[in-house]
């Protein structure tokens, strides 16, 4: 499993001219902390919090399920199911990034706890998020617990939601 970086997403956009849902709707959700958020206009994967430009090595964020699926299809890859996500990460021995309040570049930390990862919809069409985010800790939204349930719709992006692909 591979967490998609801003650089990789930029290459996809250059090659296809793809426009994300956040860009189409011209608004998105930016988390201030785990409990508080803002709805901001003009914010997207290039500047995911409205305050800084995303670095090439950052996990891409401010992408919806539909955006993630379009990228995966372009790469000839798949998004993981919720259960396959946990199968893939169980052997990841890198350090887990939780509650550091910063996104760490791809490859430096375990995929768990960097950003929430979009998974394919379940049998009921629910899009479950896996793995937790840099805003989480064990007392709030413990994403390191596979039993944690958090869902997102197919259109919404967020400053701490990204995705990974599997080949």
N, C-alpha and C. Protein backbone atom coordinates (compact mmCIF):
# COMPACT_ATOMS: atom_id res chain seq x y z
N UNK A 1 0.85 -1.17 0.00
CA UNK A 1 0.00 0.00 0.00
C UNK A 1 0.89 1.23 0.00
N UNK A 2 0.46 2.24 -0.73
CA UNK A 2 1.27 3.45 -0.91
C UNK A 2 0.42 4.69 -0.67
N UNK A 3 0.84 5.52 0.29
CA UNK A 3 0.14 6.77 0.55
C UNK A 3 0.50 7.76 -0.55
N UNK A 4 -0.51 8.38 -1.16
CA UNK A 4 -0.30 9.27 -2.30
C UNK A 4 0.14 10.65 -1.83
N UNK A 5 1.20 11.14 -2.43
CA UNK A 5 1.77 12.43 -2.06
C UNK A 5 1.19 13.56 -2.91
N UNK A 6 1.42 14.78 -2.46
CA UNK A 6 1.01 15.95 -3.22
C UNK A 6 1.69 15.96 -4.58
N UNK A 7 2.97 15.60 -4.63
CA UNK A 7 3.69 15.56 -5.90
C UNK A 7 3.01 14.61 -6.88
N UNK A 8 2.65 13.42 -6.43
CA UNK A 8 2.01 12.45 -7.31
C UNK A 8 0.65 12.94 -7.78
N UNK A 9 -0.09 13.57 -6.88
CA UNK A 9 -1.39 14.10 -7.27
C UNK A 9 -1.22 15.24 -8.28
N UNK A 10 -0.21 16.06 -8.10
CA UNK A 10 0.07 17.15 -9.05
C UNK A 10 0.36 16.58 -10.44
N UNK A 11 1.11 15.48 -10.50
CA UNK A 11 1.41 14.85 -11.79
C UNK A 11 0.12 14.35 -12.46
N UNK A 12 -0.78 13.79 -11.68
CA UNK A 12 -2.08 13.34 -12.17
C UNK A 12 -2.87 14.52 -12.74
N UNK A 13 -2.91 15.62 -12.01
CA UNK A 13 -3.65 16.80 -12.46
C UNK A 13 -3.04 17.36 -13.75
N UNK A 14 -1.70 17.41 -13.81
CA UNK A 14 -1.04 17.90 -15.03
C UNK A 14 -1.36 17.02 -16.23
N UNK A 15 -1.35 15.71 -16.01
CA UNK A 15 -1.56 14.78 -17.12
C UNK A 15 -3.01 14.72 -17.60
N UNK A 16 -3.95 14.97 -16.70
CA UNK A 16 -5.36 14.76 -17.04
C UNK A 16 -6.21 16.02 -17.06
N UNK A 17 -5.73 17.10 -16.44
CA UNK A 17 -6.55 18.30 -16.31
C UNK A 17 -7.65 18.14 -15.27
N UNK A 18 -7.51 17.15 -14.42
CA UNK A 18 -8.54 16.84 -13.43
C UNK A 18 -8.79 18.03 -12.49
N UNK A 19 -10.04 18.25 -12.14
CA UNK A 19 -10.44 19.29 -11.19
C UNK A 19 -11.12 18.59 -10.01
N UNK A 20 -10.62 18.82 -8.82
CA UNK A 20 -11.14 18.14 -7.63
C UNK A 20 -12.51 18.70 -7.23
N UNK A 21 -13.19 17.94 -6.38
CA UNK A 21 -14.48 18.41 -5.88
C UNK A 21 -14.33 19.72 -5.11
N UNK A 22 -13.28 19.86 -4.30
CA UNK A 22 -13.08 21.10 -3.56
C UNK A 22 -12.93 22.29 -4.51
N UNK A 23 -12.27 22.06 -5.64
CA UNK A 23 -12.13 23.13 -6.63
C UNK A 23 -13.46 23.43 -7.33
N UNK A 24 -14.23 22.39 -7.63
CA UNK A 24 -15.53 22.59 -8.29
C UNK A 24 -16.50 23.33 -7.37
N UNK A 25 -16.56 22.93 -6.11
CA UNK A 25 -17.50 23.52 -5.16
C UNK A 25 -16.98 24.83 -4.60
N UNK A 26 -15.66 25.05 -4.69
CA UNK A 26 -14.97 26.24 -4.18
C UNK A 26 -15.09 26.40 -2.67
N UNK A 27 -15.25 25.31 -1.94
CA UNK A 27 -15.21 25.35 -0.48
C UNK A 27 -14.79 23.97 0.02
N UNK A 28 -14.29 23.95 1.22
CA UNK A 28 -13.92 22.68 1.84
C UNK A 28 -13.78 22.88 3.34
N UNK A 29 -13.57 21.78 4.03
CA UNK A 29 -13.44 21.80 5.49
C UNK A 29 -11.96 21.80 5.88
N UNK A 30 -11.61 22.69 6.78
CA UNK A 30 -10.26 22.74 7.33
C UNK A 30 -10.36 22.52 8.83
N UNK A 31 -9.73 21.48 9.30
CA UNK A 31 -9.72 21.18 10.74
C UNK A 31 -8.78 22.13 11.47
N UNK A 32 -9.25 22.75 12.52
CA UNK A 32 -8.43 23.57 13.40
C UNK A 32 -7.76 22.66 14.42
N UNK A 33 -8.55 21.78 14.98
CA UNK A 33 -8.09 20.70 15.84
C UNK A 33 -9.11 19.59 15.67
N UNK A 34 -9.05 18.55 16.48
CA UNK A 34 -9.91 17.40 16.23
C UNK A 34 -11.39 17.71 16.39
N UNK A 35 -11.73 18.68 17.20
CA UNK A 35 -13.14 18.99 17.45
C UNK A 35 -13.66 20.20 16.69
N UNK A 36 -12.78 21.05 16.23
CA UNK A 36 -13.19 22.31 15.61
C UNK A 36 -12.72 22.40 14.17
N UNK A 37 -13.57 22.98 13.34
CA UNK A 37 -13.24 23.12 11.92
C UNK A 37 -13.78 24.44 11.40
N UNK A 38 -13.27 24.80 10.22
CA UNK A 38 -13.77 25.97 9.49
C UNK A 38 -14.18 25.50 8.10
N UNK A 39 -15.13 26.16 7.52
CA UNK A 39 -15.42 25.97 6.10
C UNK A 39 -14.80 27.16 5.40
N UNK A 40 -13.84 26.85 4.51
CA UNK A 40 -13.12 27.91 3.82
C UNK A 40 -13.33 27.80 2.32
N UNK A 41 -13.29 28.94 1.67
CA UNK A 41 -13.46 29.01 0.22
C UNK A 41 -12.10 29.16 -0.45
N UNK A 42 -11.96 28.57 -1.64
CA UNK A 42 -10.72 28.68 -2.39
C UNK A 42 -9.60 27.80 -1.87
N UNK A 43 -9.90 26.88 -0.99
CA UNK A 43 -8.89 25.98 -0.43
C UNK A 43 -9.00 24.64 -1.15
N UNK A 44 -7.86 24.07 -1.49
CA UNK A 44 -7.84 22.78 -2.16
C UNK A 44 -6.53 22.05 -1.88
N UNK A 45 -6.25 21.00 -2.61
CA UNK A 45 -5.09 20.15 -2.35
C UNK A 45 -3.77 20.89 -2.46
N UNK A 46 -3.73 21.98 -3.21
CA UNK A 46 -2.48 22.76 -3.35
C UNK A 46 -2.15 23.54 -2.08
N UNK A 47 -3.16 23.99 -1.39
CA UNK A 47 -3.02 24.78 -0.16
C UNK A 47 -4.08 24.27 0.82
N UNK A 48 -3.86 23.09 1.40
CA UNK A 48 -4.92 22.36 2.08
C UNK A 48 -5.48 22.97 3.36
N UNK A 49 -4.79 23.89 3.97
CA UNK A 49 -5.33 24.54 5.17
C UNK A 49 -5.66 26.00 4.91
N UNK A 50 -5.35 26.49 3.71
CA UNK A 50 -5.55 27.89 3.40
C UNK A 50 -4.45 28.76 3.98
N UNK A 51 -3.46 28.14 4.61
CA UNK A 51 -2.39 28.89 5.27
C UNK A 51 -1.01 28.60 4.72
N UNK A 52 -0.82 27.44 4.09
CA UNK A 52 0.48 27.10 3.56
C UNK A 52 0.31 26.24 2.31
N UNK A 53 1.29 26.32 1.42
CA UNK A 53 1.28 25.46 0.25
C UNK A 53 1.73 24.07 0.67
N UNK A 54 1.08 23.06 0.13
CA UNK A 54 1.47 21.69 0.43
C UNK A 54 2.86 21.43 -0.14
N UNK A 55 3.66 20.72 0.60
CA UNK A 55 4.98 20.29 0.14
C UNK A 55 4.82 19.05 -0.72
N UNK A 56 5.70 18.86 -1.67
CA UNK A 56 5.61 17.70 -2.57
C UNK A 56 5.54 16.38 -1.82
N UNK A 57 6.24 16.27 -0.70
CA UNK A 57 6.30 15.00 0.03
C UNK A 57 5.14 14.81 1.00
N UNK A 58 4.31 15.84 1.20
CA UNK A 58 3.15 15.70 2.08
C UNK A 58 2.16 14.71 1.49
N UNK A 59 1.45 13.97 2.33
CA UNK A 59 0.32 13.21 1.81
C UNK A 59 -0.69 14.20 1.22
N UNK A 60 -1.22 13.92 0.05
CA UNK A 60 -2.20 14.81 -0.54
C UNK A 60 -3.45 14.80 0.35
N UNK A 61 -4.01 15.96 0.61
CA UNK A 61 -5.24 16.10 1.37
C UNK A 61 -6.18 17.02 0.61
N UNK A 62 -7.35 17.26 1.18
CA UNK A 62 -8.41 18.04 0.53
C UNK A 62 -8.87 17.34 -0.75
N UNK A 63 -8.90 16.02 -0.71
CA UNK A 63 -9.41 15.23 -1.82
C UNK A 63 -10.61 14.43 -1.33
N UNK A 64 -11.57 14.27 -2.20
CA UNK A 64 -12.77 13.50 -1.88
C UNK A 64 -12.57 12.04 -2.30
N UNK A 65 -13.54 11.21 -1.95
CA UNK A 65 -13.54 9.83 -2.42
C UNK A 65 -13.50 9.81 -3.95
N UNK A 66 -14.30 10.65 -4.58
CA UNK A 66 -14.34 10.66 -6.04
C UNK A 66 -12.99 11.05 -6.63
N UNK A 67 -12.30 12.00 -5.99
CA UNK A 67 -10.97 12.40 -6.45
C UNK A 67 -9.97 11.25 -6.29
N UNK A 68 -10.03 10.59 -5.14
CA UNK A 68 -9.13 9.47 -4.87
C UNK A 68 -9.36 8.34 -5.87
N UNK A 69 -10.61 8.05 -6.15
CA UNK A 69 -10.94 7.00 -7.10
C UNK A 69 -10.45 7.34 -8.50
N UNK A 70 -10.60 8.59 -8.92
CA UNK A 70 -10.11 9.02 -10.24
C UNK A 70 -8.60 8.84 -10.33
N UNK A 71 -7.87 9.21 -9.28
CA UNK A 71 -6.42 9.03 -9.26
C UNK A 71 -6.06 7.55 -9.35
N UNK A 72 -6.71 6.73 -8.53
CA UNK A 72 -6.42 5.29 -8.52
C UNK A 72 -6.66 4.68 -9.90
N UNK A 73 -7.77 5.04 -10.53
CA UNK A 73 -8.06 4.53 -11.87
C UNK A 73 -6.99 4.95 -12.87
N UNK A 74 -6.54 6.19 -12.77
CA UNK A 74 -5.49 6.70 -13.65
C UNK A 74 -4.20 5.90 -13.47
N UNK A 75 -3.88 5.54 -12.24
CA UNK A 75 -2.65 4.79 -11.95
C UNK A 75 -2.81 3.30 -12.20
N UNK A 76 -4.01 2.83 -12.49
CA UNK A 76 -4.23 1.40 -12.64
C UNK A 76 -4.15 0.69 -11.30
N UNK A 77 -4.56 1.39 -10.27
CA UNK A 77 -4.48 0.88 -8.90
C UNK A 77 -5.88 0.86 -8.30
N UNK A 78 -5.95 0.49 -7.04
CA UNK A 78 -7.22 0.46 -6.31
C UNK A 78 -7.08 1.18 -4.99
N UNK A 79 -8.20 1.64 -4.48
CA UNK A 79 -8.25 2.08 -3.09
C UNK A 79 -8.43 0.82 -2.24
N UNK A 80 -7.91 0.82 -1.03
CA UNK A 80 -8.09 -0.37 -0.20
C UNK A 80 -9.50 -0.45 0.38
N UNK A 81 -9.94 -1.66 0.69
CA UNK A 81 -11.12 -1.81 1.52
C UNK A 81 -10.69 -1.48 2.94
N UNK A 82 -11.65 -1.29 3.82
CA UNK A 82 -11.30 -0.99 5.21
C UNK A 82 -10.50 -2.13 5.82
N UNK A 83 -10.93 -3.35 5.62
CA UNK A 83 -10.20 -4.48 6.22
C UNK A 83 -8.86 -4.69 5.55
N UNK A 84 -8.76 -4.50 4.24
CA UNK A 84 -7.45 -4.68 3.59
C UNK A 84 -6.47 -3.60 4.03
N UNK A 85 -6.96 -2.40 4.33
CA UNK A 85 -6.09 -1.35 4.85
C UNK A 85 -5.33 -1.88 6.07
N UNK A 86 -6.07 -2.47 7.01
CA UNK A 86 -5.44 -2.95 8.24
C UNK A 86 -4.54 -4.14 7.97
N UNK A 87 -4.85 -4.96 6.98
CA UNK A 87 -3.94 -6.05 6.60
C UNK A 87 -2.62 -5.49 6.08
N UNK A 88 -2.69 -4.44 5.26
CA UNK A 88 -1.48 -3.84 4.70
C UNK A 88 -0.62 -3.15 5.75
N UNK A 89 -1.23 -2.46 6.69
CA UNK A 89 -0.42 -1.67 7.63
C UNK A 89 0.07 -2.46 8.85
N UNK A 90 -0.43 -3.66 9.07
CA UNK A 90 -0.04 -4.39 10.28
C UNK A 90 1.45 -4.71 10.33
N UNK A 91 2.10 -4.77 9.17
CA UNK A 91 3.53 -5.06 9.15
C UNK A 91 4.40 -3.82 8.95
N UNK A 92 3.78 -2.65 8.99
CA UNK A 92 4.53 -1.40 8.83
C UNK A 92 5.21 -1.08 10.16
N UNK A 93 6.50 -1.20 10.21
CA UNK A 93 7.23 -1.06 11.47
C UNK A 93 7.77 0.35 11.72
N UNK A 94 7.52 1.26 10.79
CA UNK A 94 7.96 2.64 11.03
C UNK A 94 7.17 3.23 12.19
N UNK A 95 7.67 4.29 12.77
CA UNK A 95 7.00 4.94 13.90
C UNK A 95 5.64 5.47 13.47
N UNK A 96 4.68 5.42 14.38
CA UNK A 96 3.35 5.94 14.12
C UNK A 96 3.31 7.42 14.50
N UNK A 97 2.75 8.24 13.62
CA UNK A 97 2.61 9.67 13.86
C UNK A 97 1.21 9.93 14.41
N UNK A 98 1.09 10.14 15.71
CA UNK A 98 -0.20 10.53 16.27
C UNK A 98 0.01 11.73 17.18
N UNK A 99 -0.91 12.67 17.08
CA UNK A 99 -0.94 13.85 17.94
C UNK A 99 0.32 14.70 17.84
N UNK A 100 0.98 14.71 16.71
CA UNK A 100 2.13 15.60 16.56
C UNK A 100 1.70 16.94 15.99
N UNK A 101 0.44 17.01 15.54
CA UNK A 101 -0.11 18.22 14.93
C UNK A 101 0.68 18.71 13.72
N UNK A 102 1.31 17.78 13.03
CA UNK A 102 1.96 18.14 11.78
C UNK A 102 1.95 16.93 10.86
N UNK A 103 1.78 17.19 9.59
CA UNK A 103 1.84 16.11 8.62
C UNK A 103 3.31 15.85 8.34
N UNK A 104 3.71 14.61 8.48
CA UNK A 104 5.10 14.25 8.20
C UNK A 104 5.18 13.67 6.80
N UNK A 105 6.29 13.91 6.12
CA UNK A 105 6.41 13.45 4.74
C UNK A 105 6.27 11.94 4.59
N UNK A 106 5.80 11.55 3.40
CA UNK A 106 5.69 10.13 3.04
C UNK A 106 6.99 9.40 3.36
N UNK A 107 6.86 8.18 3.81
CA UNK A 107 8.02 7.35 4.01
C UNK A 107 8.72 7.51 5.34
N UNK A 108 8.47 8.59 6.05
CA UNK A 108 9.15 8.80 7.32
C UNK A 108 8.40 8.18 8.50
N UNK A 109 7.11 8.02 8.35
CA UNK A 109 6.31 7.48 9.44
C UNK A 109 5.38 6.40 8.91
N UNK A 110 4.91 5.59 9.83
CA UNK A 110 3.90 4.60 9.52
C UNK A 110 2.70 5.32 8.92
N UNK A 111 2.04 4.69 7.98
CA UNK A 111 0.89 5.31 7.33
C UNK A 111 -0.23 5.60 8.33
N UNK A 112 -0.31 4.83 9.43
CA UNK A 112 -1.33 5.06 10.45
C UNK A 112 -1.04 6.38 11.16
N UNK A 113 -2.03 7.20 11.32
CA UNK A 113 -1.89 8.42 12.10
C UNK A 113 -1.29 9.59 11.38
N UNK A 114 -1.04 9.50 10.09
CA UNK A 114 -0.54 10.63 9.34
C UNK A 114 -1.74 11.46 8.89
N UNK A 115 -2.56 10.91 8.01
CA UNK A 115 -3.85 11.50 7.66
C UNK A 115 -4.85 10.36 7.57
N UNK A 116 -6.13 10.65 7.78
CA UNK A 116 -7.16 9.64 7.57
C UNK A 116 -7.09 9.17 6.14
N UNK A 117 -7.28 7.88 5.90
CA UNK A 117 -7.21 7.31 4.56
C UNK A 117 -8.61 6.91 4.09
N UNK A 118 -8.96 7.31 2.90
CA UNK A 118 -10.24 6.96 2.28
C UNK A 118 -10.19 5.49 1.86
N UNK A 119 -11.24 4.74 2.17
CA UNK A 119 -11.33 3.36 1.70
C UNK A 119 -12.57 3.21 0.82
N UNK A 120 -12.63 2.12 0.06
CA UNK A 120 -13.77 1.94 -0.84
C UNK A 120 -15.05 1.72 -0.03
N UNK A 121 -16.17 2.08 -0.58
CA UNK A 121 -17.43 1.94 0.15
C UNK A 121 -17.72 0.49 0.54
N UNK A 122 -18.37 0.34 1.69
CA UNK A 122 -18.79 -0.99 2.14
C UNK A 122 -20.06 -1.40 1.40
N UNK A 123 -20.63 -2.53 1.78
CA UNK A 123 -21.82 -3.07 1.10
C UNK A 123 -23.01 -2.12 1.16
N UNK A 124 -22.99 -1.18 2.11
CA UNK A 124 -24.09 -0.23 2.25
C UNK A 124 -23.78 1.12 1.60
N UNK A 125 -22.61 1.22 0.95
CA UNK A 125 -22.21 2.46 0.29
C UNK A 125 -21.53 3.47 1.20
N UNK A 126 -21.21 3.08 2.43
CA UNK A 126 -20.54 3.97 3.38
C UNK A 126 -19.04 4.00 3.12
N UNK A 127 -18.48 5.20 3.08
CA UNK A 127 -17.05 5.37 2.86
C UNK A 127 -16.40 5.57 4.22
N UNK A 128 -15.69 4.55 4.66
CA UNK A 128 -15.09 4.57 5.99
C UNK A 128 -13.65 5.06 5.89
N UNK A 129 -13.26 5.86 6.86
CA UNK A 129 -11.89 6.35 6.94
C UNK A 129 -11.08 5.45 7.85
N UNK A 130 -9.83 5.22 7.48
CA UNK A 130 -8.96 4.33 8.25
C UNK A 130 -7.71 5.06 8.71
N UNK A 131 -7.19 4.65 9.83
CA UNK A 131 -5.84 5.02 10.23
C UNK A 131 -5.65 6.24 11.10
N UNK A 132 -6.58 7.15 11.19
CA UNK A 132 -6.40 8.32 12.04
C UNK A 132 -5.62 9.43 11.38
N UNK A 133 -5.47 10.53 12.09
CA UNK A 133 -4.75 11.67 11.53
C UNK A 133 -3.78 12.25 12.54
N UNK A 134 -2.97 13.18 12.05
CA UNK A 134 -2.01 13.86 12.90
C UNK A 134 -2.68 14.67 14.01
N UNK A 135 -3.98 14.91 13.90
CA UNK A 135 -4.70 15.64 14.95
C UNK A 135 -5.20 14.72 16.07
N UNK A 136 -5.17 13.42 15.84
CA UNK A 136 -5.73 12.46 16.79
C UNK A 136 -4.75 12.08 17.89
N UNK A 137 -5.30 11.61 18.96
CA UNK A 137 -4.53 10.92 19.99
C UNK A 137 -5.43 9.83 20.57
N UNK A 138 -4.91 9.04 21.46
CA UNK A 138 -5.66 7.90 21.98
C UNK A 138 -6.91 8.32 22.75
N UNK A 139 -7.01 9.57 23.18
CA UNK A 139 -8.16 10.04 23.94
C UNK A 139 -9.23 10.70 23.09
N UNK A 140 -8.95 10.96 21.83
CA UNK A 140 -9.96 11.62 21.00
C UNK A 140 -10.42 10.68 19.89
N UNK A 141 -9.79 10.71 18.76
CA UNK A 141 -10.24 9.93 17.61
C UNK A 141 -9.24 8.85 17.29
N UNK A 142 -8.96 8.02 18.21
CA UNK A 142 -7.92 7.01 18.09
C UNK A 142 -8.04 6.21 16.80
N UNK A 143 -7.38 6.67 15.77
CA UNK A 143 -7.41 5.98 14.48
C UNK A 143 -6.55 4.75 14.44
N UNK A 144 -5.74 4.53 15.46
CA UNK A 144 -4.92 3.33 15.48
C UNK A 144 -5.72 2.12 15.91
N UNK A 145 -6.99 2.31 16.23
CA UNK A 145 -7.89 1.23 16.62
C UNK A 145 -8.76 0.86 15.42
N UNK A 146 -8.59 -0.33 14.85
CA UNK A 146 -9.38 -0.71 13.67
C UNK A 146 -10.89 -0.74 13.92
N UNK A 147 -11.31 -0.77 15.18
CA UNK A 147 -12.74 -0.78 15.48
C UNK A 147 -13.36 0.61 15.45
N UNK A 148 -12.55 1.64 15.33
CA UNK A 148 -13.02 3.02 15.28
C UNK A 148 -13.84 3.23 14.02
N UNK A 149 -14.99 3.85 14.13
CA UNK A 149 -15.84 4.09 12.96
C UNK A 149 -15.93 5.58 12.67
N UNK A 150 -15.47 5.96 11.50
CA UNK A 150 -15.57 7.32 11.02
C UNK A 150 -15.84 7.25 9.52
N UNK A 151 -16.85 7.98 9.08
CA UNK A 151 -17.28 7.92 7.69
C UNK A 151 -17.24 9.31 7.06
N UNK A 152 -17.17 9.34 5.74
CA UNK A 152 -17.19 10.59 4.98
C UNK A 152 -18.07 10.36 3.75
N UNK A 153 -18.63 11.44 3.22
CA UNK A 153 -19.41 11.29 1.99
C UNK A 153 -18.46 11.26 0.79
N UNK A 154 -19.00 11.07 -0.39
CA UNK A 154 -18.13 10.90 -1.56
C UNK A 154 -17.61 12.22 -2.15
N UNK A 155 -18.09 13.36 -1.67
CA UNK A 155 -17.73 14.65 -2.25
C UNK A 155 -16.81 15.51 -1.39
N UNK A 156 -16.74 15.23 -0.10
CA UNK A 156 -16.09 16.14 0.84
C UNK A 156 -14.61 15.86 1.01
N UNK A 157 -13.82 16.93 0.96
CA UNK A 157 -12.40 16.87 1.30
C UNK A 157 -12.21 17.46 2.68
N UNK A 158 -11.02 17.28 3.23
CA UNK A 158 -10.70 17.83 4.54
C UNK A 158 -9.19 17.93 4.64
N UNK A 159 -8.72 18.82 5.48
CA UNK A 159 -7.28 19.05 5.61
C UNK A 159 -6.53 17.91 6.27
N UNK A 160 -7.25 16.92 6.80
CA UNK A 160 -6.53 15.77 7.37
C UNK A 160 -7.07 14.44 6.83
N UNK A 161 -7.60 14.48 5.60
CA UNK A 161 -8.04 13.28 4.91
C UNK A 161 -7.28 13.16 3.59
N UNK A 162 -6.66 12.00 3.39
CA UNK A 162 -5.95 11.69 2.14
C UNK A 162 -6.34 10.29 1.69
N UNK A 163 -5.42 9.66 0.96
CA UNK A 163 -5.71 8.30 0.52
C UNK A 163 -4.44 7.56 0.14
N UNK A 164 -4.57 6.27 0.14
CA UNK A 164 -3.50 5.37 -0.29
C UNK A 164 -4.03 4.49 -1.39
N UNK A 165 -3.14 3.94 -2.17
CA UNK A 165 -3.53 3.03 -3.24
C UNK A 165 -2.81 1.71 -3.08
N UNK A 166 -3.39 0.68 -3.69
CA UNK A 166 -2.75 -0.62 -3.75
C UNK A 166 -2.73 -1.07 -5.21
N UNK A 167 -1.68 -1.78 -5.57
CA UNK A 167 -1.54 -2.28 -6.96
C UNK A 167 -1.91 -3.74 -7.01
